[in-house]
Amino acid sequence: MSQLKAIIGLANPGSDYEATRHNAGAWLLDALLQGTDQSLRPEKKFLGRYARIRIADQELHLLEPTTFMNRSGSAISAMCQFFKLTPEQLLIAHDELDLPPGIARYKTGGGHGGHNGLRDTISALGGNKGFHRLRIGIGHPGDARLVTNYVLGRPGKAERHAIDDAIAECLATLPLAAEGNWAKAMHRLHSFSSAQ
């Protein structure tokens, strides 16, 4: 399996959206940078906030697109072109309706599952779906008509705590992913549950 070169946390820009469920991908980047001397800084050429860190002796690019969610692909493709990255070297962290809070799963390839950030990314990468995903569970409101308000709403305290626990476990598995050891990373993450 290919080594990881970049982690992208999908989000909507601005303080209004910062604490909403749709920004779970960005919460992963925040957690990753906590306690380091690095921070995400605006980078015009990537249409987002960017940082560079080392995990398991691998240099990793971090990107939080500051386009709206349904335009995430333009930021991701700009960074890929600049650093000559292939989709297989990307890990895209995003909120996942089909998993409860407290559960996170790695996945490689597949469709967009109705997620606008993934849909735009696949399109911007020329239809290539070979990138890795980190699906951070946020739960489902139970009715498709309620989804938009739900993902743009803020999780309750217990729910956010469960999501943060899952993100902490994701961080513990990232050194394995960074080395390209996806099977081990998946096994560890997929056996963890902090679901409410």
C-alpha atoms as a PDB file:
ATOM      1  CA  MET A   1       0.000   0.000   0.000  1.00  0.00           C
ATOM      2  CA  SER A   2       1.164   3.538  -0.716  1.00  0.00           C
ATOM      3  CA  GLN A   3       2.680   5.696   1.995  1.00  0.00           C
ATOM      4  CA  LEU A   4       0.679   8.601   3.267  1.00  0.00           C
ATOM      5  CA  LYS A   5       1.810  12.072   2.152  1.00  0.00           C
ATOM      6  CA  ALA A   6      -1.121  14.333   3.061  1.00  0.00           C
ATOM      7  CA  ILE A   7      -4.078  14.526   5.433  1.00  0.00           C
ATOM      8  CA  ILE A   8      -7.014  16.713   4.468  1.00  0.00           C
ATOM      9  CA  GLY A   9      -9.724  17.628   6.951  1.00  0.00           C
ATOM     10  CA  LEU A  10     -12.970  18.557   5.210  1.00  0.00           C
ATOM     11  CA  ALA A  11     -14.843  21.527   6.663  1.00  0.00           C
ATOM     12  CA  ASN A  12     -16.888  24.624   5.997  1.00  0.00           C
ATOM     13  CA  PRO A  13     -15.000  27.889   6.586  1.00  0.00           C
ATOM     14  CA  GLY A  14     -15.689  30.470   9.276  1.00  0.00           C
ATOM     15  CA  SER A  15     -16.533  30.561  12.974  1.00  0.00           C
ATOM     16  CA  ASP A  16     -20.238  29.862  12.341  1.00  0.00           C
ATOM     17  CA  TYR A  17     -19.377  26.328  11.197  1.00  0.00           C
ATOM     18  CA  GLU A  18     -16.360  25.569  13.375  1.00  0.00           C
ATOM     19  CA  ALA A  19     -18.237  23.531  15.994  1.00  0.00           C
ATOM     20  CA  THR A  20     -20.724  21.878  13.608  1.00  0.00           C
ATOM     21  CA  ARG A  21     -20.775  18.145  12.860  1.00  0.00           C
ATOM     22  CA  HIS A  22     -19.854  18.713   9.188  1.00  0.00           C
ATOM     23  CA  ASN A  23     -16.453  19.983  10.382  1.00  0.00           C
ATOM     24  CA  ALA A  24     -15.415  16.724  12.077  1.00  0.00           C
ATOM     25  CA  GLY A  25     -12.608  16.318   9.513  1.00  0.00           C
ATOM     26  CA  ALA A  26     -11.121  19.644  10.616  1.00  0.00           C
ATOM     27  CA  TRP A  27     -11.383  18.582  14.270  1.00  0.00           C
ATOM     28  CA  LEU A  28      -8.973  15.759  13.460  1.00  0.00           C
ATOM     29  CA  LEU A  29      -6.386  18.267  12.153  1.00  0.00           C
ATOM     30  CA  ASP A  30      -6.860  20.442  15.261  1.00  0.00           C
ATOM     31  CA  ALA A  31      -6.281  17.414  17.501  1.00  0.00           C
ATOM     32  CA  LEU A  32      -3.238  16.394  15.468  1.00  0.00           C
ATOM     33  CA  LEU A  33      -1.601  19.805  15.861  1.00  0.00           C
ATOM     34  CA  GLN A  34      -2.403  20.144  19.556  1.00  0.00           C
ATOM     35  CA  GLY A  35       0.766  20.191  21.615  1.00  0.00           C
ATOM     36  CA  THR A  36       2.987  20.818  18.564  1.00  0.00           C
ATOM     37  CA  ASP A  37       4.593  24.110  17.573  1.00  0.00           C
ATOM     38  CA  GLN A  38       2.794  23.935  14.226  1.00  0.00           C
ATOM     39  CA  SER A  39      -0.508  25.530  13.283  1.00  0.00           C
ATOM     40  CA  LEU A  40      -2.637  25.733  10.166  1.00  0.00           C
ATOM     41  CA  ARG A  41      -1.879  28.960   8.317  1.00  0.00           C
ATOM     42  CA  PRO A  42      -3.742  30.502   5.388  1.00  0.00           C
ATOM     43  CA  GLU A  43      -2.195  29.396   2.084  1.00  0.00           C
ATOM     44  CA  LYS A  44      -3.756  31.139  -0.914  1.00  0.00           C
ATOM     45  CA  LYS A  45      -2.375  28.788  -3.537  1.00  0.00           C
ATOM     46  CA  PHE A  46      -4.082  25.801  -1.860  1.00  0.00           C
ATOM     47  CA  LEU A  47      -7.348  27.660  -1.122  1.00  0.00           C
ATOM     48  CA  GLY A  48      -7.075  26.600   2.489  1.00  0.00           C
ATOM     49  CA  ARG A  49      -5.143  26.490   5.733  1.00  0.00           C
ATOM     50  CA  TYR A  50      -1.934  24.490   5.556  1.00  0.00           C
ATOM     51  CA  ALA A  51       0.737  23.009   7.835  1.00  0.00           C
ATOM     52  CA  ARG A  52       3.482  20.420   7.591  1.00  0.00           C
ATOM     53  CA  ILE A  53       4.312  17.908  10.318  1.00  0.00           C
ATOM     54  CA  ARG A  54       6.262  14.695  10.814  1.00  0.00           C
ATOM     55  CA  ILE A  55       4.635  11.438  11.891  1.00  0.00           C
ATOM     56  CA  ALA A  56       6.611   8.206  12.136  1.00  0.00           C
ATOM     57  CA  ASP A  57       9.516   9.857  10.284  1.00  0.00           C
ATOM     58  CA  GLN A  58       7.224  10.783   7.401  1.00  0.00           C
ATOM     59  CA  GLU A  59       6.669  14.374   6.383  1.00  0.00           C
ATOM     60  CA  LEU A  60       2.957  15.006   5.996  1.00  0.00           C
ATOM     61  CA  HIS A  61       1.081  17.905   4.420  1.00  0.00           C
ATOM     62  CA  LEU A  62      -2.031  18.982   6.326  1.00  0.00           C
ATOM     63  CA  LEU A  63      -4.777  20.903   4.576  1.00  0.00           C
ATOM     64  CA  GLU A  64      -8.117  22.289   5.673  1.00  0.00           C
ATOM     65  CA  PRO A  65      -9.855  23.701   2.577  1.00  0.00           C
ATOM     66  CA  THR A  66     -11.391  27.117   3.204  1.00  0.00           C
ATOM     67  CA  THR A  67     -13.665  26.779   0.224  1.00  0.00           C
ATOM     68  CA  PHE A  68     -17.155  25.641   1.169  1.00  0.00           C
ATOM     69  CA  MET A  69     -17.600  21.890   1.539  1.00  0.00           C
ATOM     70  CA  ASN A  70     -19.025  21.390  -1.966  1.00  0.00           C
ATOM     71  CA  ARG A  71     -15.893  23.024  -3.438  1.00  0.00           C
ATOM     72  CA  SER A  72     -13.306  21.076  -1.423  1.00  0.00           C
ATOM     73  CA  GLY A  73     -11.886  19.426  -4.543  1.00  0.00           C
ATOM     74  CA  SER A  74     -10.362  22.617  -5.927  1.00  0.00           C
ATOM     75  CA  ALA A  75      -8.217  23.054  -2.790  1.00  0.00           C
ATOM     76  CA  ILE A  76      -7.195  19.387  -2.724  1.00  0.00           C
ATOM     77  CA  SER A  77      -6.283  19.261  -6.424  1.00  0.00           C
ATOM     78  CA  ALA A  78      -4.272  22.520  -6.099  1.00  0.00           C
ATOM     79  CA  MET A  79      -2.152  20.977  -3.328  1.00  0.00           C
ATOM     80  CA  CYS A  80      -1.795  17.682  -5.211  1.00  0.00           C
ATOM     81  CA  GLN A  81      -0.571  19.471  -8.336  1.00  0.00           C
ATOM     82  CA  PHE A  82       1.893  21.611  -6.378  1.00  0.00           C
ATOM     83  CA  PHE A  83       3.482  18.709  -4.481  1.00  0.00           C
ATOM     84  CA  LYS A  84       2.913  16.117  -7.253  1.00  0.00           C
ATOM     85  CA  LEU A  85       0.794  13.895  -4.995  1.00  0.00           C
ATOM     86  CA  THR A  86      -1.294  10.993  -6.247  1.00  0.00           C
ATOM     87  CA  PRO A  87      -4.794  10.283  -4.855  1.00  0.00           C
ATOM     88  CA  GLU A  88      -3.416   7.091  -3.254  1.00  0.00           C
ATOM     89  CA  GLN A  89      -1.149   9.248  -1.047  1.00  0.00           C
ATOM     90  CA  LEU A  90      -4.069  11.188   0.452  1.00  0.00           C
ATOM     91  CA  LEU A  91      -6.099  10.591   3.590  1.00  0.00           C
ATOM     92  CA  ILE A  92      -9.303  12.610   3.614  1.00  0.00           C
ATOM     93  CA  ALA A  93     -10.984  12.951   7.019  1.00  0.00           C
ATOM     94  CA  HIS A  94     -14.713  13.682   6.952  1.00  0.00           C
ATOM     95  CA  ASP A  95     -17.919  13.412   8.945  1.00  0.00           C
ATOM     96  CA  GLU A  96     -19.864  10.188   8.363  1.00  0.00           C
ATOM     97  CA  LEU A  97     -23.646   9.933   8.843  1.00  0.00           C
ATOM     98  CA  ASP A  98     -23.636   6.134   8.599  1.00  0.00           C
ATOM     99  CA  LEU A  99     -21.489   5.673  11.734  1.00  0.00           C
ATOM    100  CA  PRO A 100     -22.520   6.642  15.280  1.00  0.00           C
ATOM    101  CA  PRO A 101     -20.493   9.184  17.291  1.00  0.00           C
ATOM    102  CA  GLY A 102     -17.561   7.392  18.906  1.00  0.00           C
ATOM    103  CA  ILE A 103     -16.833   5.232  15.864  1.00  0.00           C
ATOM    104  CA  ALA A 104     -14.308   6.019  13.119  1.00  0.00           C
ATOM    105  CA  ARG A 105     -13.292   3.853  10.189  1.00  0.00           C
ATOM    106  CA  TYR A 106     -10.625   3.877   7.506  1.00  0.00           C
ATOM    107  CA  LYS A 107     -11.741   3.122   3.988  1.00  0.00           C
ATOM    108  CA  THR A 108      -9.904   3.124   0.671  1.00  0.00           C
ATOM    109  CA  GLY A 109     -11.762   3.975  -2.522  1.00  0.00           C
ATOM    110  CA  GLY A 110     -15.515   3.836  -3.054  1.00  0.00           C
ATOM    111  CA  GLY A 111     -18.135   6.398  -3.977  1.00  0.00           C
ATOM    112  CA  HIS A 112     -19.047   9.669  -2.266  1.00  0.00           C
ATOM    113  CA  GLY A 113     -22.066   8.302  -0.368  1.00  0.00           C
ATOM    114  CA  GLY A 114     -23.884  11.609  -0.848  1.00  0.00           C
ATOM    115  CA  HIS A 115     -21.123  13.600   0.896  1.00  0.00           C
ATOM    116  CA  ASN A 116     -20.652  16.838  -1.064  1.00  0.00           C
ATOM    117  CA  GLY A 117     -17.006  17.246  -0.042  1.00  0.00           C
ATOM    118  CA  LEU A 118     -16.149  13.763  -1.306  1.00  0.00           C
ATOM    119  CA  ARG A 119     -18.264  14.225  -4.438  1.00  0.00           C
ATOM    120  CA  ASP A 120     -16.348  17.377  -5.389  1.00  0.00           C
ATOM    121  CA  THR A 121     -13.001  15.788  -4.518  1.00  0.00           C
ATOM    122  CA  ILE A 122     -13.629  12.767  -6.756  1.00  0.00           C
ATOM    123  CA  SER A 123     -14.633  15.116  -9.564  1.00  0.00           C
ATOM    124  CA  ALA A 124     -11.558  17.364  -9.061  1.00  0.00           C
ATOM    125  CA  LEU A 125      -9.255  14.326  -9.069  1.00  0.00           C
ATOM    126  CA  GLY A 126     -10.544  13.346 -12.505  1.00  0.00           C
ATOM    127  CA  GLY A 127     -12.943  10.716 -11.188  1.00  0.00           C
ATOM    128  CA  ASN A 128     -10.185   8.925  -9.250  1.00  0.00           C
ATOM    129  CA  LYS A 129     -11.660   7.382  -6.093  1.00  0.00           C
ATOM    130  CA  GLY A 130      -8.442   5.697  -4.927  1.00  0.00           C
ATOM    131  CA  PHE A 131      -7.761   8.016  -1.993  1.00  0.00           C
ATOM    132  CA  HIS A 132      -8.002   6.852   1.619  1.00  0.00           C
ATOM    133  CA  ARG A 133     -10.799   8.143   3.805  1.00  0.00           C
ATOM    134  CA  LEU A 134     -11.101   8.517   7.537  1.00  0.00           C
ATOM    135  CA  ARG A 135     -14.824   8.355   8.261  1.00  0.00           C
ATOM    136  CA  ILE A 136     -15.605  10.042  11.586  1.00  0.00           C
ATOM    137  CA  GLY A 137     -19.027   8.986  12.833  1.00  0.00           C
ATOM    138  CA  ILE A 138     -21.529  11.736  13.658  1.00  0.00           C
ATOM    139  CA  GLY A 139     -24.706   9.606  13.589  1.00  0.00           C
ATOM    140  CA  HIS A 140     -27.847  10.152  11.508  1.00  0.00           C
ATOM    141  CA  PRO A 141     -30.937  12.214  12.355  1.00  0.00           C
ATOM    142  CA  GLY A 142     -33.148   9.353  11.173  1.00  0.00           C
ATOM    143  CA  ASP A 143     -34.773  11.173   8.256  1.00  0.00           C
ATOM    144  CA  ALA A 144     -33.080  12.245   5.007  1.00  0.00           C
ATOM    145  CA  ARG A 145     -34.966  15.572   5.094  1.00  0.00           C
ATOM    146  CA  LEU A 146     -33.296  16.472   8.388  1.00  0.00           C
ATOM    147  CA  VAL A 147     -29.734  15.768   7.249  1.00  0.00           C
ATOM    148  CA  THR A 148     -28.738  19.295   6.153  1.00  0.00           C
ATOM    149  CA  ASN A 149     -29.753  20.927   9.432  1.00  0.00           C
ATOM    150  CA  TYR A 150     -28.242  18.032  11.365  1.00  0.00           C
ATOM    151  CA  VAL A 151     -24.761  18.185   9.802  1.00  0.00           C
ATOM    152  CA  LEU A 152     -24.766  21.975  10.158  1.00  0.00           C
ATOM    153  CA  GLY A 153     -25.807  21.675  13.809  1.00  0.00           C
ATOM    154  CA  ARG A 154     -23.592  21.273  16.853  1.00  0.00           C
ATOM    155  CA  PRO A 155     -23.309  17.945  18.654  1.00  0.00           C
ATOM    156  CA  GLY A 156     -24.388  17.679  22.303  1.00  0.00           C
ATOM    157  CA  LYS A 157     -21.749  17.389  25.014  1.00  0.00           C
ATOM    158  CA  ALA A 158     -21.764  13.562  25.306  1.00  0.00           C
ATOM    159  CA  GLU A 159     -21.838  13.237  21.506  1.00  0.00           C
ATOM    160  CA  ARG A 160     -18.857  15.565  21.057  1.00  0.00           C
ATOM    161  CA  HIS A 161     -16.988  13.701  23.774  1.00  0.00           C
ATOM    162  CA  ALA A 162     -17.525  10.398  21.932  1.00  0.00           C
ATOM    163  CA  ILE A 163     -16.372  11.952  18.631  1.00  0.00           C
ATOM    164  CA  ASP A 164     -13.267  13.359  20.337  1.00  0.00           C
ATOM    165  CA  ASP A 165     -12.486   9.922  21.822  1.00  0.00           C
ATOM    166  CA  ALA A 166     -12.702   8.368  18.347  1.00  0.00           C
ATOM    167  CA  ILE A 167     -10.454  11.112  16.948  1.00  0.00           C
ATOM    168  CA  ALA A 168      -7.896  10.424  19.706  1.00  0.00           C
ATOM    169  CA  GLU A 169      -7.860   6.770  18.652  1.00  0.00           C
ATOM    170  CA  CYS A 170      -7.442   7.848  15.008  1.00  0.00           C
ATOM    171  CA  LEU A 171      -4.344   9.818  16.035  1.00  0.00           C
ATOM    172  CA  ALA A 172      -2.907   6.714  17.715  1.00  0.00           C
ATOM    173  CA  THR A 173      -3.233   4.791  14.429  1.00  0.00           C
ATOM    174  CA  LEU A 174      -1.826   7.509  12.154  1.00  0.00           C
ATOM    175  CA  PRO A 175       1.845   6.454  12.524  1.00  0.00           C
ATOM    176  CA  LEU A 176       0.874   3.058  11.069  1.00  0.00           C
ATOM    177  CA  ALA A 177      -0.997   4.715   8.196  1.00  0.00           C
ATOM    178  CA  ALA A 178       1.903   7.118   7.599  1.00  0.00           C
ATOM    179  CA  GLU A 179       4.198   4.123   7.084  1.00  0.00           C
ATOM    180  CA  GLY A 180       1.732   2.621   4.620  1.00  0.00           C
ATOM    181  CA  ASN A 181       0.676  -0.106   7.058  1.00  0.00           C
ATOM    182  CA  TRP A 182      -3.038   0.352   6.396  1.00  0.00           C
ATOM    183  CA  ALA A 183      -4.049  -3.175   7.449  1.00  0.00           C
ATOM    184  CA  LYS A 184      -2.648  -2.665  10.966  1.00  0.00           C
ATOM    185  CA  ALA A 185      -4.040   0.863  11.216  1.00  0.00           C
ATOM    186  CA  MET A 186      -7.491  -0.364  10.175  1.00  0.00           C
ATOM    187  CA  HIS A 187      -7.397  -3.332  12.558  1.00  0.00           C
ATOM    188  CA  ARG A 188      -6.579  -1.116  15.523  1.00  0.00           C
ATOM    189  CA  LEU A 189      -9.077   1.628  14.711  1.00  0.00           C
ATOM    190  CA  HIS A 190     -11.876  -0.736  13.756  1.00  0.00           C
ATOM    191  CA  SER A 191     -11.641  -2.600  17.047  1.00  0.00           C
ATOM    192  CA  PHE A 192     -12.118   0.652  19.008  1.00  0.00           C
ATOM    193  CA  SER A 193     -15.529   1.957  20.042  1.00  0.00           C
ATOM    194  CA  SER A 194     -16.559   4.852  22.237  1.00  0.00           C
ATOM    195  CA  ALA A 195     -20.125   4.834  20.898  1.00  0.00           C
ATOM    196  CA  GLN A 196     -22.794   6.189  23.208  1.00  0.00           C
END
